[in-house]
């Protein structure tokens, strides 16, 4: 699916602000489409900055803010070669 130009611009801006690809999906179609950006909860500060920057860009372009949503989701803990099978964050010292 090809994104409308205004959503493509928002995705491009988000990627520049974050410094790389940002997980996102599109809800709706055409003029009613909204791009939803998904960031992990540990990136809450980045999510707030992204939300503020995209809101400012929309305001500057006289574009409704309904074209984007920034969401934070629980941080996922993945099992890896150096991480034990059970690694709940409450047992991490620090």
Protein backbone atom coordinates (compact mmCIF):
# COMPACT_ATOMS: atom_id res chain seq x y z
CA UNK A 1 0.00 0.00 0.00
CA UNK A 2 1.34 3.40 -0.96
CA UNK A 3 1.03 6.02 1.74
CA UNK A 4 -0.53 9.39 0.98
CA UNK A 5 2.10 12.16 0.71
CA UNK A 6 1.27 13.70 4.09
CA UNK A 7 1.70 10.38 5.92
CA UNK A 8 4.90 9.65 4.02
CA UNK A 9 6.21 13.03 5.20
CA UNK A 10 5.33 12.22 8.82
CA UNK A 11 7.04 8.81 8.65
CA UNK A 12 10.13 10.37 7.07
CA UNK A 13 10.27 13.07 9.74
CA UNK A 14 9.85 10.50 12.53
CA UNK A 15 12.71 8.41 11.14
CA UNK A 16 14.98 11.46 11.00
CA UNK A 17 14.09 12.44 14.57
CA UNK A 18 14.60 8.92 15.94
CA UNK A 19 17.70 8.26 13.87
CA UNK A 20 16.44 5.18 12.06
CA UNK A 21 13.38 3.13 11.20
CA UNK A 22 10.33 3.55 13.41
CA UNK A 23 7.80 0.74 13.69
CA UNK A 24 4.48 2.04 12.41
CA UNK A 25 1.26 0.99 10.78
CA UNK A 26 -1.56 2.78 8.98
CA UNK A 27 -5.17 2.75 10.09
CA UNK A 28 -7.89 3.78 7.69
CA UNK A 29 -7.65 4.76 4.04
CA UNK A 30 -7.20 7.85 1.91
CA UNK A 31 -7.95 11.18 3.59
CA UNK A 32 -9.06 9.36 6.77
CA UNK A 33 -5.81 7.44 7.19
CA UNK A 34 -3.76 7.77 10.37
CA UNK A 35 -0.21 6.57 10.91
CA UNK A 36 0.42 4.96 14.31
CA UNK A 37 4.00 4.98 15.58
CA UNK A 38 4.92 2.29 18.10
CA UNK A 39 7.78 2.91 20.55
CA UNK A 40 8.74 0.81 23.55
CA UNK A 41 7.92 2.10 27.02
CA UNK A 42 11.61 2.50 27.82
CA UNK A 43 11.65 5.16 25.07
CA UNK A 44 8.91 7.25 26.71
CA UNK A 45 10.95 10.46 26.59
CA UNK A 46 11.67 9.92 22.91
CA UNK A 47 7.97 9.23 22.32
CA UNK A 48 7.00 12.55 23.95
CA UNK A 49 9.59 14.41 21.87
CA UNK A 50 8.41 12.70 18.70
CA UNK A 51 4.79 13.53 19.51
CA UNK A 52 5.66 17.20 20.15
CA UNK A 53 7.76 17.50 16.98
CA UNK A 54 5.10 15.91 14.77
CA UNK A 55 2.41 18.10 16.35
CA UNK A 56 4.51 21.20 15.63
CA UNK A 57 5.05 20.08 12.04
CA UNK A 58 1.31 19.51 11.58
CA UNK A 59 0.55 22.93 13.05
CA UNK A 60 3.11 24.60 10.78
CA UNK A 61 1.60 22.90 7.73
CA UNK A 62 -2.00 23.60 8.84
CA UNK A 63 -2.54 19.86 8.87
CA UNK A 64 -4.82 18.19 11.45
CA UNK A 65 -3.03 16.32 14.22
CA UNK A 66 -5.39 13.37 13.73
CA UNK A 67 -3.05 12.10 11.01
CA UNK A 68 -0.69 10.55 13.57
CA UNK A 69 -0.64 8.81 16.94
CA UNK A 70 2.47 7.99 18.99
CA UNK A 71 2.01 4.99 21.28
CA UNK A 72 4.29 3.43 23.84
CA UNK A 73 4.10 -0.28 24.44
CA UNK A 74 5.57 -2.49 27.17
CA UNK A 75 9.25 -3.15 26.69
CA UNK A 76 9.83 -6.69 25.52
CA UNK A 77 12.53 -8.75 27.14
CA UNK A 78 14.02 -11.27 24.76
CA UNK A 79 15.91 -14.42 25.59
CA UNK A 80 19.41 -14.41 24.15
CA UNK A 81 22.69 -16.27 24.53
CA UNK A 82 23.80 -14.05 27.43
CA UNK A 83 20.36 -13.75 29.07
CA UNK A 84 18.97 -16.51 31.31
CA UNK A 85 15.65 -18.15 30.47
CA UNK A 86 13.86 -16.22 33.19
CA UNK A 87 14.97 -12.63 33.40
CA UNK A 88 12.23 -10.58 35.02
CA UNK A 89 13.16 -6.89 35.30
CA UNK A 90 12.38 -6.81 39.05
CA UNK A 91 15.40 -9.07 39.66
CA UNK A 92 17.83 -6.77 37.92
CA UNK A 93 20.03 -4.89 40.35
CA UNK A 94 20.87 -1.33 39.69
